[in-house]
Amino acid sequence: LRRQAEAGPRAAEPDAEVERSLATLAQDDSVVVVTGQQVGLLGGPAYTLAKALSAVALARRLRRQGVPAVPVFWLASQDHDLREAQRVPR
């Protein structure tokens, strides 16, 4: 993740929160709150946002309890199954 952050489009502008998260992930006792989804037609942006914010909220709650935690949201954007995505079953 550090290599990805350093090579990304915003690498010239280091983000303090990203640095804190990477440092937390380097700790042996840290945990990751993971959520994500496959890109799709149904569910919409509100569902995506709700899932991401839920991971952030849970990670914050864990940190308040003394557990080093980092939220991670993944997006399965490399799904090339056009046959599956071209229609919505009833």
N, C-alpha and C. Protein backbone atom coordinates (compact mmCIF):
# COMPACT_ATOMS: atom_id res chain seq x y z
N LEU A 1 0.82 -1.20 0.00
CA LEU A 1 0.00 0.00 0.00
C LEU A 1 0.86 1.26 0.00
N ARG A 2 1.98 1.19 0.71
CA ARG A 2 2.86 2.36 0.72
C ARG A 2 3.39 2.64 -0.69
N ARG A 3 3.81 1.59 -1.39
CA ARG A 3 4.31 1.79 -2.77
C ARG A 3 3.22 2.38 -3.66
N GLN A 4 2.00 1.90 -3.47
CA GLN A 4 0.89 2.41 -4.27
C GLN A 4 0.64 3.88 -3.95
N ALA A 5 0.67 4.24 -2.68
CA ALA A 5 0.46 5.64 -2.29
C ALA A 5 1.57 6.53 -2.83
N GLU A 6 2.79 6.02 -2.81
CA GLU A 6 3.92 6.82 -3.28
C GLU A 6 3.95 6.96 -4.80
N ALA A 7 3.30 6.04 -5.50
CA ALA A 7 3.30 6.08 -6.97
C ALA A 7 2.02 6.67 -7.53
N GLY A 8 1.05 6.94 -6.67
CA GLY A 8 -0.25 7.41 -7.12
C GLY A 8 -0.23 8.84 -7.63
N PRO A 9 -1.37 9.29 -8.14
CA PRO A 9 -1.46 10.63 -8.73
C PRO A 9 -1.24 11.75 -7.72
N ARG A 10 -1.43 11.48 -6.42
CA ARG A 10 -1.25 12.53 -5.41
C ARG A 10 0.04 12.33 -4.62
N ALA A 11 0.99 11.58 -5.17
CA ALA A 11 2.22 11.27 -4.46
C ALA A 11 3.02 12.52 -4.11
N ALA A 12 2.91 13.55 -4.92
CA ALA A 12 3.65 14.79 -4.66
C ALA A 12 3.07 15.56 -3.48
N GLU A 13 1.83 15.24 -3.10
CA GLU A 13 1.17 15.91 -1.99
C GLU A 13 0.86 14.89 -0.90
N PRO A 14 1.83 14.51 -0.07
CA PRO A 14 1.57 13.49 0.95
C PRO A 14 0.43 13.90 1.87
N ASP A 15 -0.41 12.95 2.18
CA ASP A 15 -1.58 13.17 3.02
C ASP A 15 -1.28 12.65 4.42
N ALA A 16 -1.46 13.48 5.43
CA ALA A 16 -1.14 13.08 6.80
C ALA A 16 -1.98 11.90 7.26
N GLU A 17 -3.25 11.85 6.86
CA GLU A 17 -4.11 10.72 7.27
C GLU A 17 -3.65 9.42 6.61
N VAL A 18 -3.22 9.49 5.37
CA VAL A 18 -2.69 8.30 4.69
C VAL A 18 -1.44 7.82 5.42
N GLU A 19 -0.57 8.75 5.78
CA GLU A 19 0.65 8.38 6.50
C GLU A 19 0.33 7.73 7.84
N ARG A 20 -0.64 8.29 8.57
CA ARG A 20 -1.04 7.69 9.86
C ARG A 20 -1.60 6.28 9.65
N SER A 21 -2.40 6.11 8.62
CA SER A 21 -2.97 4.80 8.35
C SER A 21 -1.89 3.78 7.98
N LEU A 22 -0.94 4.18 7.17
CA LEU A 22 0.14 3.27 6.79
C LEU A 22 1.00 2.91 8.00
N ALA A 23 1.24 3.87 8.87
CA ALA A 23 2.01 3.59 10.09
C ALA A 23 1.24 2.63 11.00
N THR A 24 -0.07 2.81 11.09
CA THR A 24 -0.89 1.91 11.90
C THR A 24 -0.86 0.50 11.33
N LEU A 25 -0.98 0.39 10.02
CA LEU A 25 -0.95 -0.93 9.38
C LEU A 25 0.37 -1.66 9.61
N ALA A 26 1.43 -0.92 9.80
CA ALA A 26 2.75 -1.53 10.02
C ALA A 26 2.88 -2.14 11.42
N GLN A 27 1.97 -1.80 12.33
CA GLN A 27 2.02 -2.33 13.69
C GLN A 27 1.56 -3.78 13.69
N ASP A 28 2.21 -4.60 14.50
CA ASP A 28 1.86 -6.02 14.57
C ASP A 28 0.45 -6.27 15.10
N ASP A 29 -0.06 -5.38 15.94
CA ASP A 29 -1.36 -5.62 16.55
C ASP A 29 -2.51 -4.85 15.88
N SER A 30 -2.26 -4.30 14.70
CA SER A 30 -3.31 -3.53 14.04
C SER A 30 -4.31 -4.45 13.34
N VAL A 31 -5.51 -3.91 13.16
CA VAL A 31 -6.55 -4.62 12.44
C VAL A 31 -7.04 -3.75 11.29
N VAL A 32 -7.66 -4.39 10.32
CA VAL A 32 -8.21 -3.68 9.17
C VAL A 32 -9.70 -3.97 9.11
N VAL A 33 -10.49 -2.93 9.00
CA VAL A 33 -11.93 -3.06 8.81
C VAL A 33 -12.15 -2.94 7.30
N VAL A 34 -12.51 -4.06 6.67
CA VAL A 34 -12.59 -4.11 5.21
C VAL A 34 -14.03 -4.19 4.76
N THR A 35 -14.34 -3.39 3.76
CA THR A 35 -15.61 -3.50 3.06
C THR A 35 -15.37 -3.09 1.62
N GLY A 36 -16.33 -3.35 0.79
CA GLY A 36 -16.20 -2.99 -0.61
C GLY A 36 -17.33 -3.57 -1.40
N GLN A 37 -17.26 -3.43 -2.70
CA GLN A 37 -18.30 -3.99 -3.53
C GLN A 37 -17.86 -4.04 -4.98
N GLN A 38 -18.63 -4.80 -5.73
CA GLN A 38 -18.44 -4.89 -7.16
C GLN A 38 -19.18 -3.72 -7.79
N VAL A 39 -18.58 -3.12 -8.79
CA VAL A 39 -19.25 -2.04 -9.50
C VAL A 39 -20.51 -2.61 -10.14
N GLY A 40 -21.62 -1.91 -9.99
CA GLY A 40 -22.85 -2.44 -10.56
C GLY A 40 -23.89 -1.37 -10.76
N LEU A 41 -24.94 -1.76 -11.41
CA LEU A 41 -26.03 -0.87 -11.74
C LEU A 41 -26.90 -0.56 -10.53
N LEU A 42 -27.20 -1.56 -9.73
CA LEU A 42 -28.13 -1.38 -8.63
C LEU A 42 -27.40 -1.06 -7.33
N GLY A 43 -28.07 -0.46 -6.42
CA GLY A 43 -27.46 -0.09 -5.14
C GLY A 43 -27.10 1.38 -5.12
N GLY A 44 -26.47 1.83 -6.15
CA GLY A 44 -26.19 3.24 -6.32
C GLY A 44 -25.13 3.80 -5.39
N PRO A 45 -24.83 5.07 -5.59
CA PRO A 45 -23.78 5.74 -4.83
C PRO A 45 -24.08 5.83 -3.34
N ALA A 46 -25.34 5.94 -2.96
CA ALA A 46 -25.66 6.04 -1.53
C ALA A 46 -25.26 4.77 -0.80
N TYR A 47 -25.47 3.62 -1.42
CA TYR A 47 -25.09 2.35 -0.81
C TYR A 47 -23.57 2.26 -0.66
N THR A 48 -22.85 2.66 -1.70
CA THR A 48 -21.39 2.67 -1.66
C THR A 48 -20.89 3.57 -0.54
N LEU A 49 -21.45 4.75 -0.45
CA LEU A 49 -21.05 5.70 0.59
C LEU A 49 -21.36 5.16 1.98
N ALA A 50 -22.53 4.56 2.14
CA ALA A 50 -22.91 4.00 3.45
C ALA A 50 -21.93 2.90 3.88
N LYS A 51 -21.52 2.06 2.96
CA LYS A 51 -20.59 0.99 3.29
C LYS A 51 -19.23 1.58 3.70
N ALA A 52 -18.75 2.55 2.94
CA ALA A 52 -17.45 3.16 3.26
C ALA A 52 -17.50 3.86 4.62
N LEU A 53 -18.56 4.61 4.86
CA LEU A 53 -18.67 5.33 6.14
C LEU A 53 -18.83 4.37 7.32
N SER A 54 -19.47 3.24 7.09
CA SER A 54 -19.60 2.24 8.16
C SER A 54 -18.23 1.69 8.55
N ALA A 55 -17.38 1.44 7.57
CA ALA A 55 -16.02 0.96 7.87
C ALA A 55 -15.23 2.01 8.65
N VAL A 56 -15.37 3.26 8.26
CA VAL A 56 -14.68 4.34 8.97
C VAL A 56 -15.17 4.43 10.41
N ALA A 57 -16.48 4.36 10.59
CA ALA A 57 -17.06 4.46 11.94
C ALA A 57 -16.60 3.30 12.83
N LEU A 58 -16.58 2.09 12.29
CA LEU A 58 -16.14 0.94 13.09
C LEU A 58 -14.66 1.05 13.44
N ALA A 59 -13.84 1.48 12.49
CA ALA A 59 -12.41 1.65 12.78
C ALA A 59 -12.20 2.71 13.87
N ARG A 60 -12.96 3.79 13.83
CA ARG A 60 -12.85 4.83 14.86
C ARG A 60 -13.25 4.29 16.23
N ARG A 61 -14.33 3.50 16.26
CA ARG A 61 -14.78 2.92 17.52
C ARG A 61 -13.71 1.99 18.10
N LEU A 62 -13.11 1.19 17.25
CA LEU A 62 -12.04 0.30 17.71
C LEU A 62 -10.85 1.10 18.25
N ARG A 63 -10.49 2.19 17.56
CA ARG A 63 -9.37 3.01 18.03
C ARG A 63 -9.67 3.62 19.39
N ARG A 64 -10.92 4.04 19.60
CA ARG A 64 -11.29 4.59 20.92
C ARG A 64 -11.15 3.54 22.01
N GLN A 65 -11.29 2.27 21.64
CA GLN A 65 -11.14 1.17 22.60
C GLN A 65 -9.69 0.70 22.72
N GLY A 66 -8.78 1.39 22.04
CA GLY A 66 -7.36 1.07 22.14
C GLY A 66 -6.85 0.09 21.11
N VAL A 67 -7.67 -0.26 20.14
CA VAL A 67 -7.25 -1.19 19.09
C VAL A 67 -6.80 -0.38 17.87
N PRO A 68 -5.56 -0.50 17.45
CA PRO A 68 -5.13 0.22 16.24
C PRO A 68 -5.86 -0.35 15.02
N ALA A 69 -6.69 0.47 14.38
CA ALA A 69 -7.53 -0.01 13.29
C ALA A 69 -7.52 0.98 12.13
N VAL A 70 -7.62 0.43 10.94
CA VAL A 70 -7.63 1.23 9.71
C VAL A 70 -8.78 0.74 8.83
N PRO A 71 -9.62 1.67 8.33
CA PRO A 71 -10.66 1.25 7.41
C PRO A 71 -10.10 1.13 5.99
N VAL A 72 -10.55 0.11 5.27
CA VAL A 72 -10.14 -0.08 3.87
C VAL A 72 -11.39 -0.38 3.05
N PHE A 73 -11.55 0.35 1.97
CA PHE A 73 -12.66 0.12 1.05
C PHE A 73 -12.08 -0.29 -0.28
N TRP A 74 -12.52 -1.42 -0.80
CA TRP A 74 -12.04 -1.87 -2.11
C TRP A 74 -13.20 -1.80 -3.10
N LEU A 75 -12.88 -1.62 -4.33
CA LEU A 75 -13.87 -1.54 -5.39
C LEU A 75 -13.46 -2.50 -6.49
N ALA A 76 -14.25 -3.53 -6.71
CA ALA A 76 -13.95 -4.52 -7.74
C ALA A 76 -14.30 -3.92 -9.09
N SER A 77 -13.40 -3.16 -9.63
CA SER A 77 -13.66 -2.42 -10.87
C SER A 77 -13.14 -3.13 -12.10
N GLN A 78 -12.50 -4.26 -11.94
CA GLN A 78 -11.95 -4.98 -13.08
C GLN A 78 -12.83 -6.17 -13.46
N ASP A 79 -14.14 -6.02 -13.29
CA ASP A 79 -15.07 -7.07 -13.64
C ASP A 79 -15.47 -6.88 -15.10
N HIS A 80 -15.03 -7.77 -15.94
CA HIS A 80 -15.28 -7.63 -17.37
C HIS A 80 -16.34 -8.61 -17.85
N ASP A 81 -17.23 -9.02 -16.98
CA ASP A 81 -18.27 -9.97 -17.33
C ASP A 81 -19.47 -9.20 -17.90
N LEU A 82 -19.35 -8.79 -19.15
CA LEU A 82 -20.39 -7.99 -19.78
C LEU A 82 -21.72 -8.73 -19.83
N ARG A 83 -21.68 -10.01 -20.07
CA ARG A 83 -22.91 -10.80 -20.14
C ARG A 83 -23.70 -10.70 -18.83
N GLU A 84 -23.01 -10.75 -17.71
CA GLU A 84 -23.66 -10.64 -16.40
C GLU A 84 -24.21 -9.25 -16.16
N ALA A 85 -23.50 -8.22 -16.60
CA ALA A 85 -23.85 -6.84 -16.28
C ALA A 85 -24.79 -6.18 -17.27
N GLN A 86 -25.06 -6.80 -18.40
CA GLN A 86 -25.83 -6.11 -19.42
C GLN A 86 -27.35 -6.15 -19.18
N ARG A 87 -27.83 -6.93 -18.22
CA ARG A 87 -29.26 -6.93 -17.92
C ARG A 87 -29.49 -7.16 -16.44
N VAL A 88 -30.66 -6.73 -16.00
CA VAL A 88 -31.05 -6.90 -14.60
C VAL A 88 -32.17 -7.92 -14.56
N PRO A 89 -31.94 -9.05 -13.85
CA PRO A 89 -32.99 -10.06 -13.78
C PRO A 89 -34.18 -9.57 -12.95
N ARG A 90 -35.35 -10.04 -13.29
CA ARG A 90 -36.57 -9.65 -12.56
C ARG A 90 -36.78 -10.52 -11.37
